[in-house]
Amino acid sequence: MTPKKPNPAVQGGAGRELHGSASLPPDNPNTRETQQRPFLTHRSAALALLNDYPSLSLKEAGFLGHVAVTPMLSEKQAHWLDKLLVKHKLPALAKGQGHG
């Protein structure tokens, strides 16, 4: 049986740049703590949390799923997203990317 070629998007390669600095897995030596570029959109921040933190509560995951598809956040939603980013030691949103 011929081994399958690795998919760079699945293994953190080419396709993972969508999430900015937070696309690195937690065990990578170049972790989020050393790379502090802000997320460009609330959607990329939500997807990074969903992809990299499987221990999120159901409430947090549901909220992040909503954030990933909504065009604009309320002030309360932006605040909760900011709290989750801080909790998981991820970079903040870029200036002006919070609520609408």
N, C-alpha and C. Protein backbone atom coordinates (compact mmCIF):
# COMPACT_ATOMS: atom_id res chain seq x y z
N MET A 1 0.84 -1.18 0.00
CA MET A 1 0.00 0.00 0.00
C MET A 1 0.89 1.25 0.00
N THR A 2 0.62 2.19 -0.88
CA THR A 2 1.42 3.40 -1.01
C THR A 2 1.01 4.40 0.07
N PRO A 3 1.99 4.96 0.81
CA PRO A 3 1.64 5.95 1.84
C PRO A 3 1.13 7.23 1.19
N LYS A 4 0.17 7.86 1.85
CA LYS A 4 -0.38 9.12 1.35
C LYS A 4 0.61 10.25 1.60
N LYS A 5 0.63 11.20 0.68
CA LYS A 5 1.46 12.38 0.86
C LYS A 5 0.83 13.26 1.94
N PRO A 6 1.65 13.88 2.78
CA PRO A 6 1.09 14.75 3.82
C PRO A 6 0.43 15.98 3.22
N ASN A 7 -0.66 16.39 3.82
CA ASN A 7 -1.37 17.58 3.40
C ASN A 7 -0.84 18.75 4.21
N PRO A 8 -0.17 19.74 3.57
CA PRO A 8 0.42 20.84 4.33
C PRO A 8 -0.61 21.65 5.10
N ALA A 9 -1.83 21.76 4.60
CA ALA A 9 -2.85 22.53 5.31
C ALA A 9 -3.23 21.85 6.61
N VAL A 10 -3.25 20.54 6.63
CA VAL A 10 -3.59 19.79 7.83
C VAL A 10 -2.44 19.79 8.82
N GLN A 11 -1.23 19.77 8.33
CA GLN A 11 -0.06 19.67 9.20
C GLN A 11 0.51 21.03 9.59
N GLY A 12 -0.23 22.10 9.41
CA GLY A 12 0.27 23.41 9.81
C GLY A 12 1.10 24.09 8.74
N GLY A 13 0.96 23.68 7.50
CA GLY A 13 1.74 24.27 6.42
C GLY A 13 1.03 25.43 5.77
N ALA A 14 1.07 25.44 4.46
CA ALA A 14 0.64 26.58 3.66
C ALA A 14 -0.73 27.12 4.01
N GLY A 15 -1.73 26.30 4.12
CA GLY A 15 -3.09 26.77 4.34
C GLY A 15 -3.34 27.33 5.72
N ARG A 16 -2.45 27.14 6.66
CA ARG A 16 -2.68 27.57 8.03
C ARG A 16 -2.40 29.05 8.27
N GLU A 17 -1.81 29.75 7.31
CA GLU A 17 -1.52 31.16 7.51
C GLU A 17 -2.78 32.00 7.62
N LEU A 18 -3.92 31.42 7.32
CA LEU A 18 -5.20 32.11 7.42
C LEU A 18 -5.40 32.68 8.81
N HIS A 19 -4.87 32.02 9.83
CA HIS A 19 -5.11 32.43 11.21
C HIS A 19 -4.04 33.35 11.75
N GLY A 20 -3.13 33.80 10.95
CA GLY A 20 -2.08 34.68 11.43
C GLY A 20 -1.14 33.96 12.37
N SER A 21 -0.65 34.65 13.37
CA SER A 21 0.33 34.08 14.27
C SER A 21 -0.24 32.97 15.13
N ALA A 22 -1.52 32.94 15.30
CA ALA A 22 -2.11 31.96 16.20
C ALA A 22 -2.34 30.61 15.55
N SER A 23 -1.86 30.41 14.34
CA SER A 23 -2.07 29.13 13.68
C SER A 23 -1.11 28.05 14.15
N LEU A 24 -0.10 28.42 14.92
CA LEU A 24 0.88 27.43 15.35
C LEU A 24 0.30 26.56 16.46
N PRO A 25 0.51 25.26 16.41
CA PRO A 25 0.00 24.40 17.47
C PRO A 25 0.67 24.74 18.80
N PRO A 26 0.00 24.47 19.94
CA PRO A 26 0.55 24.84 21.24
C PRO A 26 1.92 24.24 21.54
N ASP A 27 2.29 23.09 20.99
CA ASP A 27 3.57 22.47 21.30
C ASP A 27 4.70 22.93 20.37
N ASN A 28 4.44 23.86 19.49
CA ASN A 28 5.45 24.38 18.57
C ASN A 28 6.39 25.32 19.33
N PRO A 29 7.71 25.26 19.10
CA PRO A 29 8.64 26.15 19.80
C PRO A 29 8.40 27.62 19.50
N ASN A 30 7.78 27.93 18.38
CA ASN A 30 7.45 29.31 18.04
C ASN A 30 6.01 29.61 18.43
N THR A 31 5.67 29.37 19.66
CA THR A 31 4.29 29.45 20.12
C THR A 31 3.76 30.87 20.11
N ARG A 32 2.50 30.98 20.39
CA ARG A 32 1.79 32.24 20.42
C ARG A 32 2.43 33.24 21.37
N GLU A 33 3.01 32.76 22.47
CA GLU A 33 3.59 33.66 23.45
C GLU A 33 4.74 34.47 22.84
N THR A 34 5.44 33.92 21.87
CA THR A 34 6.57 34.63 21.28
C THR A 34 6.17 35.39 20.02
N GLN A 35 5.03 35.12 19.47
CA GLN A 35 4.56 35.82 18.28
C GLN A 35 3.29 36.57 18.63
N GLN A 36 3.34 37.87 18.65
CA GLN A 36 2.22 38.65 19.12
C GLN A 36 1.55 39.49 18.04
N ARG A 37 1.62 39.05 16.79
CA ARG A 37 0.89 39.78 15.75
C ARG A 37 -0.60 39.64 16.03
N PRO A 38 -1.34 40.73 15.98
CA PRO A 38 -2.78 40.63 16.26
C PRO A 38 -3.54 39.92 15.14
N PHE A 39 -4.69 39.38 15.51
CA PHE A 39 -5.57 38.78 14.51
C PHE A 39 -6.16 39.90 13.66
N LEU A 40 -6.28 39.67 12.37
CA LEU A 40 -6.81 40.69 11.47
C LEU A 40 -8.33 40.73 11.50
N THR A 41 -8.98 39.63 11.83
CA THR A 41 -10.45 39.60 11.90
C THR A 41 -10.89 38.80 13.12
N HIS A 42 -12.12 39.09 13.57
CA HIS A 42 -12.69 38.31 14.68
C HIS A 42 -12.92 36.86 14.24
N ARG A 43 -13.18 36.67 12.97
CA ARG A 43 -13.39 35.31 12.45
C ARG A 43 -12.13 34.46 12.56
N SER A 44 -10.99 35.02 12.20
CA SER A 44 -9.74 34.25 12.28
C SER A 44 -9.38 33.95 13.74
N ALA A 45 -9.67 34.87 14.64
CA ALA A 45 -9.42 34.63 16.07
C ALA A 45 -10.30 33.48 16.57
N ALA A 46 -11.57 33.50 16.21
CA ALA A 46 -12.50 32.44 16.64
C ALA A 46 -12.07 31.09 16.07
N LEU A 47 -11.70 31.05 14.81
CA LEU A 47 -11.29 29.79 14.20
C LEU A 47 -10.00 29.25 14.82
N ALA A 48 -9.08 30.13 15.16
CA ALA A 48 -7.84 29.70 15.81
C ALA A 48 -8.15 29.05 17.15
N LEU A 49 -9.03 29.65 17.93
CA LEU A 49 -9.42 29.07 19.21
C LEU A 49 -10.11 27.71 19.01
N LEU A 50 -11.02 27.65 18.06
CA LEU A 50 -11.73 26.38 17.81
C LEU A 50 -10.79 25.29 17.32
N ASN A 51 -9.85 25.63 16.46
CA ASN A 51 -8.93 24.65 15.89
C ASN A 51 -7.88 24.16 16.88
N ASP A 52 -7.39 25.05 17.73
CA ASP A 52 -6.24 24.73 18.56
C ASP A 52 -6.55 24.38 20.01
N TYR A 53 -7.78 24.57 20.44
CA TYR A 53 -8.13 24.31 21.85
C TYR A 53 -9.36 23.41 21.95
N PRO A 54 -9.17 22.10 21.84
CA PRO A 54 -10.31 21.19 21.90
C PRO A 54 -10.95 21.11 23.29
N SER A 55 -10.32 21.69 24.31
CA SER A 55 -10.87 21.64 25.66
C SER A 55 -11.84 22.79 25.96
N LEU A 56 -12.20 23.56 24.96
CA LEU A 56 -13.17 24.64 25.17
C LEU A 56 -14.49 24.05 25.68
N SER A 57 -15.18 24.82 26.51
CA SER A 57 -16.50 24.38 26.96
C SER A 57 -17.47 24.43 25.77
N LEU A 58 -18.58 23.75 25.90
CA LEU A 58 -19.59 23.78 24.83
C LEU A 58 -20.11 25.20 24.62
N LYS A 59 -20.27 25.94 25.71
CA LYS A 59 -20.74 27.32 25.60
C LYS A 59 -19.73 28.18 24.84
N GLU A 60 -18.43 28.03 25.18
CA GLU A 60 -17.39 28.79 24.49
C GLU A 60 -17.33 28.40 23.01
N ALA A 61 -17.37 27.10 22.74
CA ALA A 61 -17.30 26.62 21.35
C ALA A 61 -18.49 27.11 20.54
N GLY A 62 -19.68 27.08 21.13
CA GLY A 62 -20.87 27.57 20.43
C GLY A 62 -20.76 29.05 20.12
N PHE A 63 -20.29 29.81 21.10
CA PHE A 63 -20.09 31.24 20.90
C PHE A 63 -19.10 31.49 19.78
N LEU A 64 -17.97 30.77 19.81
CA LEU A 64 -16.95 30.96 18.78
C LEU A 64 -17.44 30.55 17.40
N GLY A 65 -18.28 29.52 17.32
CA GLY A 65 -18.87 29.15 16.04
C GLY A 65 -19.72 30.28 15.49
N HIS A 66 -20.47 30.93 16.36
CA HIS A 66 -21.28 32.07 15.94
C HIS A 66 -20.37 33.22 15.48
N VAL A 67 -19.32 33.49 16.25
CA VAL A 67 -18.39 34.57 15.92
C VAL A 67 -17.74 34.33 14.56
N ALA A 68 -17.46 33.07 14.25
CA ALA A 68 -16.78 32.74 13.00
C ALA A 68 -17.64 33.05 11.77
N VAL A 69 -18.95 33.12 11.94
CA VAL A 69 -19.81 33.35 10.76
C VAL A 69 -20.54 34.69 10.78
N THR A 70 -20.47 35.42 11.87
CA THR A 70 -21.19 36.69 11.93
C THR A 70 -20.33 37.82 11.35
N PRO A 71 -20.96 38.73 10.59
CA PRO A 71 -20.18 39.81 9.98
C PRO A 71 -19.67 40.86 10.97
N MET A 72 -20.41 41.10 12.05
CA MET A 72 -20.02 42.11 13.03
C MET A 72 -20.35 41.61 14.43
N LEU A 73 -19.56 42.05 15.40
CA LEU A 73 -19.78 41.66 16.79
C LEU A 73 -20.36 42.83 17.59
N SER A 74 -21.19 42.48 18.57
CA SER A 74 -21.64 43.50 19.52
C SER A 74 -20.48 43.79 20.47
N GLU A 75 -20.61 44.84 21.26
CA GLU A 75 -19.56 45.17 22.22
C GLU A 75 -19.39 44.03 23.23
N LYS A 76 -20.48 43.44 23.67
CA LYS A 76 -20.42 42.33 24.62
C LYS A 76 -19.72 41.11 24.01
N GLN A 77 -20.04 40.80 22.75
CA GLN A 77 -19.39 39.67 22.07
C GLN A 77 -17.89 39.92 21.90
N ALA A 78 -17.53 41.13 21.51
CA ALA A 78 -16.12 41.47 21.34
C ALA A 78 -15.37 41.34 22.66
N HIS A 79 -16.02 41.74 23.75
CA HIS A 79 -15.39 41.64 25.07
C HIS A 79 -15.16 40.17 25.44
N TRP A 80 -16.15 39.31 25.19
CA TRP A 80 -15.99 37.90 25.54
C TRP A 80 -14.90 37.26 24.67
N LEU A 81 -14.86 37.60 23.39
CA LEU A 81 -13.81 37.08 22.52
C LEU A 81 -12.44 37.53 23.03
N ASP A 82 -12.32 38.79 23.43
CA ASP A 82 -11.06 39.29 23.99
C ASP A 82 -10.67 38.48 25.23
N LYS A 83 -11.63 38.19 26.09
CA LYS A 83 -11.34 37.42 27.31
C LYS A 83 -10.84 36.02 26.97
N LEU A 84 -11.43 35.38 25.96
CA LEU A 84 -10.99 34.05 25.56
C LEU A 84 -9.58 34.08 24.96
N LEU A 85 -9.27 35.11 24.20
CA LEU A 85 -7.93 35.24 23.63
C LEU A 85 -6.88 35.40 24.75
N VAL A 86 -7.20 36.20 25.74
CA VAL A 86 -6.29 36.39 26.87
C VAL A 86 -6.15 35.09 27.65
N LYS A 87 -7.26 34.42 27.91
CA LYS A 87 -7.26 33.16 28.67
C LYS A 87 -6.33 32.13 28.04
N HIS A 88 -6.29 32.08 26.71
CA HIS A 88 -5.48 31.09 26.00
C HIS A 88 -4.17 31.69 25.48
N LYS A 89 -3.82 32.87 25.99
CA LYS A 89 -2.55 33.52 25.67
C LYS A 89 -2.33 33.73 24.17
N LEU A 90 -3.40 34.16 23.52
CA LEU A 90 -3.35 34.47 22.09
C LEU A 90 -3.28 35.97 21.90
N PRO A 91 -2.77 36.43 20.75
CA PRO A 91 -2.73 37.86 20.46
C PRO A 91 -4.14 38.44 20.40
N ALA A 92 -4.24 39.72 20.64
CA ALA A 92 -5.52 40.42 20.57
C ALA A 92 -5.93 40.63 19.12
N LEU A 93 -7.13 41.16 18.95
CA LEU A 93 -7.59 41.58 17.63
C LEU A 93 -6.85 42.85 17.23
N ALA A 94 -6.65 43.03 15.94
CA ALA A 94 -6.06 44.27 15.44
C ALA A 94 -6.98 45.44 15.79
N LYS A 95 -6.42 46.60 15.95
CA LYS A 95 -7.20 47.79 16.27
C LYS A 95 -8.34 47.97 15.27
N GLY A 96 -9.52 48.25 15.79
CA GLY A 96 -10.68 48.46 14.92
C GLY A 96 -11.36 47.18 14.47
N GLN A 97 -10.92 46.02 14.96
CA GLN A 97 -11.52 44.76 14.51
C GLN A 97 -12.46 44.15 15.56
N GLY A 98 -12.78 44.88 16.60
CA GLY A 98 -13.68 44.36 17.62
C GLY A 98 -15.13 44.40 17.18
N HIS A 99 -15.88 45.26 17.79
CA HIS A 99 -17.32 45.32 17.46
C HIS A 99 -17.59 46.34 16.38
N GLY A 100 -18.80 46.25 15.82
CA GLY A 100 -19.15 47.13 14.72
C GLY A 100 -20.06 48.23 15.09
